[in-house]
Amino acid sequence: MNQTELLQAITAHRHYLDGKPGGKILNLKGAMLSGVDLSALSLQFARMSGVDLSQGRLARSLCDGADLGSANLAGADLTGASFVGADLRGVNLSRARLEGANLERANLRPGQQVYWVGGERRLRECPSDLSGAVLHRARLVEADLSQANLAGADLSQADCSRAVFAEADMTGSNLSAARFTHANLHSAILNNARVDGTNFDHADLRRATMLNIDLSKASCKNAQLADLVAKSAQEEMNRMVGSHLAWIATNGREGKRLELSGAALAGVDLSEADLSGAKLSGCDLTGADLRGAKLCLAQLDRARLRDCRLEGADLSGANLARADLAHAKLSGARLGAMPIRNADGGHTGRAWPSDLRGASLVAADLSDADLREARLDGADFTGADLARADFRGTDYVNAVMAGAKLKNTKLMDA
């Protein structure tokens, strides 16, 4: 769409809103408009799903009721814009400017992204990304940001009353003087967030992870705080890991196997820990430090490991099916098969492969990683660094490798 066509479409949309002849609803679905200025326009109810307006402008524009699902608005200037009741599922608003914007009742839940594997159409959930976004004094009343990424976002003085942040990642965000009265923050991650003067009155903070947060600086009148994972979380984790080590050393006679399926453990430090055989299915380990950890035969299926540090980790034989490893650092990690030994410790000649079927490794660093004989059907390596990685013995035909760095990657036996 050139500039003339865009102006004509916007004029027709204005006529549509005014009920004038020749009016036609604006359809910018999938349009490439990076850097374009659409400030101070009336775009209510426009169809803009999948539009690329990154680094563009929608400042002071009215987008109430518009469909912006899966739109790319990264770095865009949306200052003072209105998105009341808008569909923003799966939107990319990373580093966007939303000072004073109105997102009342906006839908920012995960959106569905279509991709193809071996000619087969597949869907995956894509959480909305507001990492690093500036939402100072924004209005988010009754907005739904379930599972959204708000890491490093500025929500100072924002009105988030009755909004839903269930399972949202708000690590390192600035929540100073923000209002979360009656908000749903169940299982949200607020590690290292600033809460000076924040109002959590009547909020649901059950199972929220709040490492390095001083709630004495916030108001929590009648807030639900049951099962709150507070400052002692790391100490409790260290205790459980110690018990797991005893379980490994005594073949289960002593200690206790680490079983934390579905737990919220974002940002936890487990570097060099031996978690072999641990049950961590569906765990949220976003941003966790697992450098040099032993996770042989561990169950990490459906786990959230985005931005996780796994350099040099041993994941031989681990189950990572449908795990989210986007942007994870796996340089030098071992993701190959785990040799099966008999009761005397001798080799049986058989091995248990690691399972990465359906896993997302988008933009992950897998340089020098060992993936020999791994199960990779449906794994997504889009934009990943696979330099010098070893894929020998794997069936990677149905894996997605668009834009992956393949310098000196070993894809087949010599």
Protein backbone atom coordinates (compact mmCIF):
# COMPACT_ATOMS: atom_id res chain seq x y z
CA MET A 1 0.00 0.00 0.00
CA ASN A 2 1.53 3.32 -1.10
CA GLN A 3 0.95 6.66 0.62
CA THR A 4 -1.85 7.74 -1.73
CA GLU A 5 -3.74 4.48 -1.22
CA LEU A 6 -3.27 4.76 2.54
CA LEU A 7 -4.67 8.31 2.63
CA GLN A 8 -7.65 7.27 0.51
CA ALA A 9 -8.34 4.30 2.82
CA ILE A 10 -8.16 6.53 5.91
CA THR A 11 -10.53 9.06 4.33
CA ALA A 12 -12.99 6.29 3.44
CA HIS A 13 -12.79 5.04 7.02
CA ARG A 14 -13.61 8.50 8.37
CA HIS A 15 -16.67 8.54 6.08
CA TYR A 16 -17.59 5.09 7.41
CA LEU A 17 -17.45 6.35 11.01
CA ASP A 18 -19.51 9.43 10.09
CA GLY A 19 -22.08 7.40 8.14
CA LYS A 20 -21.33 9.25 4.90
CA PRO A 21 -21.59 7.82 1.35
CA GLY A 22 -18.47 6.04 0.11
CA GLY A 23 -17.50 5.01 3.60
CA LYS A 24 -15.53 1.79 4.06
CA ILE A 25 -13.98 0.28 7.16
CA LEU A 26 -10.19 0.54 7.18
CA ASN A 27 -8.40 -2.76 6.49
CA LEU A 28 -4.66 -2.70 7.14
CA LYS A 29 -4.37 -6.38 7.95
CA GLY A 30 -0.72 -7.43 7.54
CA ALA A 31 0.28 -4.09 6.03
CA MET A 32 3.96 -3.10 6.19
CA LEU A 33 3.92 0.43 7.64
CA SER A 34 7.09 0.52 9.70
CA GLY A 35 7.96 4.11 10.62
CA VAL A 36 4.69 5.56 9.25
CA ASP A 37 3.01 8.43 11.13
CA LEU A 38 -0.69 7.77 11.82
CA SER A 39 -0.99 10.28 14.66
CA ALA A 40 -4.23 12.00 15.70
CA LEU A 41 -6.46 9.87 13.44
CA SER A 42 -9.87 8.32 14.07
CA LEU A 43 -9.24 4.61 13.56
CA GLN A 44 -12.01 3.13 15.71
CA PHE A 45 -12.95 -0.45 14.77
CA ALA A 46 -10.24 -0.59 12.08
CA ARG A 47 -8.95 -3.99 11.03
CA MET A 48 -5.21 -3.89 11.65
CA SER A 49 -4.30 -7.42 12.75
CA GLY A 50 -0.71 -8.29 11.92
CA VAL A 51 0.14 -4.76 10.81
CA ASP A 52 3.80 -3.77 11.11
CA LEU A 53 3.89 -0.25 12.53
CA SER A 54 7.18 -0.68 14.38
CA GLN A 55 8.95 2.62 15.10
CA GLY A 56 5.83 4.36 13.75
CA ARG A 57 3.39 6.75 15.41
CA LEU A 58 -0.19 6.47 16.64
CA ALA A 59 0.10 9.28 19.15
CA ARG A 60 -3.31 10.66 20.20
CA SER A 61 -5.10 8.42 17.69
CA LEU A 62 -8.44 6.83 18.55
CA CYS A 63 -8.24 3.06 18.10
CA ASP A 64 -11.16 2.04 20.31
CA GLY A 65 -12.54 -1.36 19.35
CA ALA A 66 -9.87 -1.84 16.69
CA ASP A 67 -8.41 -5.26 15.85
CA LEU A 68 -4.64 -5.10 16.35
CA GLY A 69 -4.10 -8.77 17.11
CA SER A 70 -0.46 -9.87 16.58
CA ALA A 71 0.45 -6.36 15.38
CA ASN A 72 4.08 -5.26 15.55
CA LEU A 73 4.20 -1.92 17.38
CA ALA A 74 7.70 -2.33 18.78
CA GLY A 75 9.27 1.04 19.55
CA ALA A 76 6.18 2.91 18.33
CA ASP A 77 5.02 6.23 19.78
CA LEU A 78 1.48 5.67 21.11
CA THR A 79 1.48 8.57 23.56
CA GLY A 80 -2.05 9.56 24.54
CA ALA A 81 -3.63 7.06 22.14
CA SER A 82 -6.92 5.34 23.00
CA PHE A 83 -7.39 1.57 22.69
CA VAL A 84 -10.57 1.15 24.73
CA GLY A 85 -11.90 -2.38 24.18
CA ALA A 86 -9.33 -3.01 21.44
CA ASP A 87 -8.17 -6.51 20.49
CA LEU A 88 -4.41 -6.52 21.15
CA ARG A 89 -3.91 -10.25 21.61
CA GLY A 90 -0.32 -11.29 20.95
CA VAL A 91 0.72 -7.72 20.16
CA ASN A 92 4.37 -6.64 20.18
CA LEU A 93 4.63 -3.41 22.18
CA SER A 94 8.19 -3.87 23.35
CA ARG A 95 9.87 -0.52 24.08
CA ALA A 96 6.74 1.31 22.86
CA ARG A 97 5.76 4.69 24.37
CA LEU A 98 2.29 4.61 25.88
CA GLU A 99 2.39 7.53 28.32
CA GLY A 100 -1.15 8.52 29.19
CA ALA A 101 -2.61 5.97 26.77
CA ASN A 102 -6.06 4.55 27.48
CA LEU A 103 -6.21 0.73 27.30
CA GLU A 104 -9.36 0.30 29.36
CA ARG A 105 -10.88 -3.17 28.80
CA ALA A 106 -8.26 -3.89 26.12
CA ASN A 107 -7.55 -7.56 25.40
CA LEU A 108 -3.82 -8.31 25.66
CA ARG A 109 -4.07 -12.03 26.29
CA PRO A 110 -1.85 -14.40 24.25
CA GLY A 111 -2.69 -14.53 20.55
CA GLN A 112 -2.46 -17.47 18.19
CA GLN A 113 0.32 -17.58 15.63
CA VAL A 114 0.08 -19.82 12.56
CA TYR A 115 3.15 -21.67 11.28
CA TRP A 116 3.73 -24.58 8.93
CA VAL A 117 5.75 -27.74 9.52
CA GLY A 118 6.11 -30.16 6.64
CA GLY A 119 3.01 -28.74 4.95
CA GLU A 120 0.97 -29.09 8.14
CA ARG A 121 -0.72 -26.00 9.59
CA ARG A 122 -0.03 -25.53 13.28
CA LEU A 123 -0.93 -22.96 15.93
CA ARG A 124 0.99 -21.72 18.93
CA GLU A 125 0.19 -19.21 21.62
CA CYS A 126 2.17 -15.97 21.52
CA PRO A 127 1.95 -13.82 24.68
CA SER A 128 1.72 -10.06 24.28
CA ASP A 129 5.11 -8.39 24.63
CA LEU A 130 5.27 -5.09 26.55
CA SER A 131 8.84 -5.53 27.77
CA GLY A 132 10.51 -2.17 28.29
CA ALA A 133 7.32 -0.32 27.33
CA VAL A 134 6.60 3.07 28.92
CA LEU A 135 3.08 3.06 30.39
CA HIS A 136 3.55 5.99 32.75
CA ARG A 137 0.12 7.30 33.82
CA ALA A 138 -1.58 4.93 31.36
CA ARG A 139 -5.13 3.71 32.02
CA LEU A 140 -5.39 -0.09 32.12
CA VAL A 141 -8.66 -0.41 34.04
CA GLU A 142 -10.17 -3.88 33.48
CA ALA A 143 -7.62 -4.66 30.77
CA ASP A 144 -6.59 -8.32 30.40
CA LEU A 145 -2.81 -8.83 30.33
CA SER A 146 -2.77 -12.52 31.26
CA GLN A 147 0.69 -14.06 30.63
CA ALA A 148 1.94 -10.80 29.09
CA ASN A 149 5.64 -9.95 29.19
CA LEU A 150 6.03 -6.66 31.08
CA ALA A 151 9.63 -7.17 32.15
CA GLY A 152 11.32 -3.81 32.64
CA ALA A 153 8.14 -1.88 31.78
CA ASP A 154 7.35 1.49 33.37
CA LEU A 155 3.86 1.45 34.88
CA SER A 156 4.48 4.25 37.36
CA GLN A 157 1.26 6.06 38.29
CA ALA A 158 -0.72 3.82 35.93
CA ASP A 159 -4.31 2.93 36.83
CA CYS A 160 -4.53 -0.87 36.71
CA SER A 161 -7.66 -1.21 38.82
CA ARG A 162 -9.51 -4.50 38.24
CA ALA A 163 -7.03 -5.41 35.50
CA VAL A 164 -5.89 -9.01 34.99
CA PHE A 165 -2.15 -9.76 35.19
CA ALA A 166 -2.45 -13.50 35.92
CA GLU A 167 0.88 -15.25 35.16
CA ALA A 168 2.28 -12.02 33.71
CA ASP A 169 6.05 -11.45 33.86
CA MET A 170 6.65 -8.07 35.52
CA THR A 171 10.27 -8.69 36.48
CA GLY A 172 12.13 -5.44 37.13
CA SER A 173 9.12 -3.29 36.26
CA ASN A 174 8.48 0.13 37.78
CA LEU A 175 5.13 0.02 39.61
CA SER A 176 5.72 3.10 41.74
CA ALA A 177 2.48 4.86 42.72
CA ALA A 178 0.48 2.59 40.38
CA ARG A 179 -3.01 1.45 41.40
CA PHE A 180 -3.75 -2.28 41.35
CA THR A 181 -6.91 -2.18 43.48
CA HIS A 182 -9.00 -5.32 42.94
CA ALA A 183 -6.51 -6.43 40.25
CA ASN A 184 -5.78 -10.09 39.52
CA LEU A 185 -2.04 -10.79 39.89
CA HIS A 186 -2.39 -14.51 40.59
CA SER A 187 0.92 -16.30 39.83
CA ALA A 188 2.42 -13.10 38.41
CA ILE A 189 6.19 -12.61 38.54
CA LEU A 190 7.21 -9.33 40.19
CA ASN A 191 10.82 -10.05 41.08
CA ASN A 192 12.89 -6.88 41.62
CA ALA A 193 9.91 -4.63 40.77
CA ARG A 194 9.67 -1.15 42.30
CA VAL A 195 6.59 -0.87 44.50
CA ASP A 196 7.11 2.48 46.25
CA GLY A 197 3.63 3.81 46.96
CA THR A 198 1.97 1.07 44.90
CA ASN A 199 -1.62 0.30 45.86
CA PHE A 200 -2.43 -3.43 45.97
CA ASP A 201 -5.58 -3.04 48.07
CA HIS A 202 -8.00 -5.95 47.54
CA ALA A 203 -5.67 -7.38 44.86
CA ASP A 204 -5.22 -11.12 44.28
CA LEU A 205 -1.52 -11.85 44.81
CA ARG A 206 -1.83 -15.55 45.51
CA ARG A 207 1.20 -17.53 44.31
CA ALA A 208 2.81 -14.35 43.00
CA THR A 209 6.62 -14.45 42.98
CA MET A 210 8.04 -11.33 44.65
CA LEU A 211 11.76 -11.82 45.21
CA ASN A 212 13.64 -8.73 46.42
CA ILE A 213 10.47 -6.71 46.98
CA ASP A 214 9.69 -4.71 50.12
CA LEU A 215 5.90 -4.77 50.44
CA SER A 216 6.14 -2.45 53.44
CA LYS A 217 6.48 0.36 50.88
CA ALA A 218 3.16 -0.59 49.27
CA SER A 219 -0.45 -0.65 50.45
CA CYS A 220 -1.88 -4.17 50.66
CA LYS A 221 -5.14 -3.68 52.58
CA ASN A 222 -7.35 -6.76 52.22
CA ALA A 223 -5.03 -8.16 49.52
CA GLN A 224 -4.96 -11.94 49.06
CA LEU A 225 -1.41 -13.02 49.84
CA ALA A 226 -1.80 -16.77 50.44
CA ASP A 227 1.12 -18.88 49.12
CA LEU A 228 3.04 -15.72 48.26
CA VAL A 229 6.55 -16.66 47.12
CA ALA A 230 8.53 -13.96 48.90
CA LYS A 231 12.14 -13.38 49.92
CA SER A 232 12.68 -16.87 51.33
CA ALA A 233 12.01 -18.57 47.97
CA GLN A 234 15.70 -18.96 47.11
CA GLU A 235 16.49 -20.39 50.54
CA GLU A 236 13.60 -22.84 50.28
CA MET A 237 14.77 -23.85 46.81
CA ASN A 238 18.28 -24.48 48.10
CA ARG A 239 16.82 -26.75 50.80
CA MET A 240 14.81 -28.75 48.27
CA VAL A 241 17.82 -29.11 45.95
CA GLY A 242 19.84 -30.47 48.89
CA SER A 243 17.15 -33.05 49.56
CA HIS A 244 17.12 -33.94 45.85
CA LEU A 245 20.88 -34.51 45.91
CA ALA A 246 20.44 -36.96 48.78
CA TRP A 247 17.74 -38.71 46.74
CA ILE A 248 20.16 -39.06 43.80
CA ALA A 249 23.10 -40.24 45.92
CA THR A 250 21.09 -42.95 47.72
CA ASN A 251 18.99 -44.09 44.74
CA GLY A 252 15.87 -42.76 46.43
CA ARG A 253 16.46 -44.29 49.88
CA GLU A 254 16.98 -40.87 51.45
CA GLY A 255 16.01 -37.31 50.66
CA LYS A 256 13.20 -36.44 48.28
CA ARG A 257 12.92 -36.08 44.53
CA LEU A 258 12.46 -32.49 43.39
CA GLU A 259 8.89 -32.28 42.11
CA LEU A 260 7.73 -28.75 41.35
CA SER A 261 5.53 -29.13 38.30
CA GLY A 262 3.78 -25.85 37.46
CA ALA A 263 5.69 -23.83 40.07
CA ALA A 264 6.57 -20.14 39.55
CA LEU A 265 10.38 -20.00 39.79
CA ALA A 266 11.28 -17.12 37.49
CA GLY A 267 14.70 -15.64 38.16
CA VAL A 268 15.80 -18.37 40.58
CA ASP A 269 19.53 -19.17 40.80
CA LEU A 270 20.19 -22.90 40.26
CA SER A 271 23.60 -22.60 38.62
CA GLU A 272 25.77 -25.73 38.96
CA ALA A 273 22.90 -27.54 40.74
CA ASP A 274 22.34 -31.26 40.11
CA LEU A 275 18.67 -31.58 39.17
CA SER A 276 18.97 -34.85 37.28
CA GLY A 277 15.62 -36.61 37.13
CA ALA A 278 13.71 -33.65 38.62
CA LYS A 279 10.03 -33.18 37.72
CA LEU A 280 9.62 -29.59 36.55
CA SER A 281 6.88 -29.97 33.96
CA GLY A 282 5.13 -26.68 33.20
CA CYS A 283 7.40 -24.73 35.56
CA ASP A 284 8.01 -21.05 34.97
CA LEU A 285 11.78 -20.64 35.02
CA THR A 286 11.83 -17.44 32.98
CA GLY A 287 15.21 -15.73 33.33
CA ALA A 288 16.50 -18.38 35.74
CA ASP A 289 20.25 -19.00 36.09
CA LEU A 290 20.95 -22.67 35.26
CA ARG A 291 24.51 -22.28 34.01
CA GLY A 292 26.41 -25.55 34.39
CA ALA A 293 23.39 -27.29 35.94
CA LYS A 294 22.82 -31.02 35.51
CA LEU A 295 19.33 -31.67 34.20
CA CYS A 296 19.86 -35.14 32.77
CA LEU A 297 16.55 -36.95 32.25
CA ALA A 298 14.71 -34.02 33.87
CA GLN A 299 11.06 -33.48 32.99
CA LEU A 300 10.78 -29.94 31.63
CA ASP A 301 7.97 -30.45 29.14
CA ARG A 302 5.84 -27.31 28.66
CA ALA A 303 8.22 -25.38 30.93
CA ARG A 304 8.77 -21.65 30.40
CA LEU A 305 12.53 -21.15 30.01
CA ARG A 306 12.52 -17.87 28.09
CA ASP A 307 15.73 -15.85 28.56
CA CYS A 308 17.04 -18.65 30.77
CA ARG A 309 20.83 -18.99 31.18
CA LEU A 310 21.78 -22.59 30.40
CA GLU A 311 25.34 -22.20 29.16
CA GLY A 312 27.22 -25.46 29.67
CA ALA A 313 24.19 -27.18 31.20
CA ASP A 314 23.75 -30.93 30.77
CA LEU A 315 20.24 -31.69 29.50
CA SER A 316 21.04 -35.14 28.12
CA GLY A 317 17.88 -37.19 27.79
CA ALA A 318 15.72 -34.36 29.18
CA ASN A 319 12.08 -33.99 28.19
CA LEU A 320 11.65 -30.46 26.78
CA ALA A 321 8.65 -31.18 24.57
CA ARG A 322 6.68 -27.97 23.87
CA ALA A 323 8.94 -26.01 26.23
CA ASP A 324 9.44 -22.29 25.62
CA LEU A 325 13.18 -21.67 25.26
CA ALA A 326 12.94 -18.47 23.22
CA HIS A 327 16.01 -16.27 23.65
CA ALA A 328 17.53 -18.82 26.04
CA LYS A 329 21.33 -19.03 26.24
CA LEU A 330 22.32 -22.64 25.58
CA SER A 331 25.85 -22.16 24.31
CA GLY A 332 27.84 -25.34 24.89
CA ALA A 333 24.84 -27.13 26.41
CA ARG A 334 24.42 -30.88 26.06
CA LEU A 335 21.05 -31.82 24.61
CA GLY A 336 21.95 -35.18 23.17
CA ALA A 337 20.99 -38.71 24.15
CA MET A 338 21.62 -40.07 27.67
CA PRO A 339 23.38 -43.47 27.71
CA ILE A 340 21.38 -46.17 29.51
CA ARG A 341 23.37 -48.16 32.03
CA ASN A 342 22.59 -51.43 33.74
CA ALA A 343 22.33 -52.00 37.51
CA ASP A 344 26.12 -52.40 37.76
CA GLY A 345 26.77 -49.13 35.97
CA GLY A 346 27.88 -50.79 32.76
CA HIS A 347 26.90 -49.65 29.27
CA THR A 348 23.90 -51.31 27.64
CA GLY A 349 24.58 -49.84 24.20
CA ARG A 350 21.27 -48.00 24.31
CA ALA A 351 20.52 -44.33 24.95
CA TRP A 352 17.55 -42.16 25.92
CA PRO A 353 17.18 -39.21 23.50
CA SER A 354 16.35 -35.72 24.65
CA ASP A 355 12.89 -34.61 23.52
CA LEU A 356 12.51 -31.15 21.92
CA ARG A 357 9.43 -31.90 19.87
CA GLY A 358 7.32 -28.79 19.44
CA ALA A 359 9.69 -26.70 21.57
CA SER A 360 10.26 -23.02 20.80
CA LEU A 361 13.93 -22.06 20.52
CA VAL A 362 13.30 -18.80 18.66
CA ALA A 363 16.40 -16.56 18.75
CA ALA A 364 18.05 -18.92 21.26
CA ASP A 365 21.85 -19.21 21.42
CA LEU A 366 22.75 -22.85 20.72
CA SER A 367 26.26 -22.23 19.50
CA ASP A 368 28.53 -25.24 20.18
CA ALA A 369 25.55 -27.14 21.65
CA ASP A 370 25.37 -30.95 21.37
CA LEU A 371 21.98 -32.15 20.04
CA ARG A 372 23.04 -35.51 18.66
CA GLU A 373 20.15 -37.97 18.31
CA ALA A 374 17.67 -35.48 19.85
CA ARG A 375 14.00 -35.64 18.85
CA LEU A 376 13.28 -32.36 17.04
CA ASP A 377 10.01 -32.86 15.19
CA GLY A 378 8.20 -29.50 15.09
CA ALA A 379 10.89 -27.64 17.05
CA ASP A 380 11.20 -23.97 16.11
CA PHE A 381 14.77 -22.66 15.68
CA THR A 382 13.75 -19.44 13.89
CA GLY A 383 16.57 -16.90 14.17
CA ALA A 384 18.56 -19.15 16.52
CA ASP A 385 22.37 -19.19 16.62
CA LEU A 386 23.30 -22.76 15.66
CA ALA A 387 26.94 -22.06 14.85
CA ARG A 388 29.05 -25.20 15.35
CA ALA A 389 26.09 -27.02 16.93
CA ASP A 390 25.99 -30.79 16.42
CA PHE A 391 22.75 -32.16 14.94
CA ARG A 392 24.12 -35.49 13.75
CA GLY A 393 21.74 -38.39 14.11
CA THR A 394 18.68 -36.16 14.52
CA ASP A 395 15.59 -35.96 12.35
CA TYR A 396 15.44 -32.19 11.85
CA VAL A 397 13.44 -32.31 8.59
CA ASN A 398 10.25 -31.01 10.23
CA ALA A 399 12.07 -28.49 12.42
CA VAL A 400 11.77 -24.78 11.56
CA MET A 401 15.13 -23.15 10.91
CA ALA A 402 14.17 -19.96 9.10
CA GLY A 403 16.83 -17.29 9.61
CA ALA A 404 18.95 -19.55 11.81
CA LYS A 405 22.73 -19.07 11.82
CA LEU A 406 24.21 -22.31 10.49
CA LYS A 407 27.92 -21.48 10.27
CA ASN A 408 29.88 -24.72 10.64
CA THR A 409 26.78 -26.51 11.97
CA LYS A 410 27.04 -30.29 11.80
CA LEU A 411 23.76 -31.45 10.25
CA MET A 412 24.74 -34.93 9.07
CA ASP A 413 27.38 -37.57 9.54
CA ALA A 414 30.50 -37.13 7.44
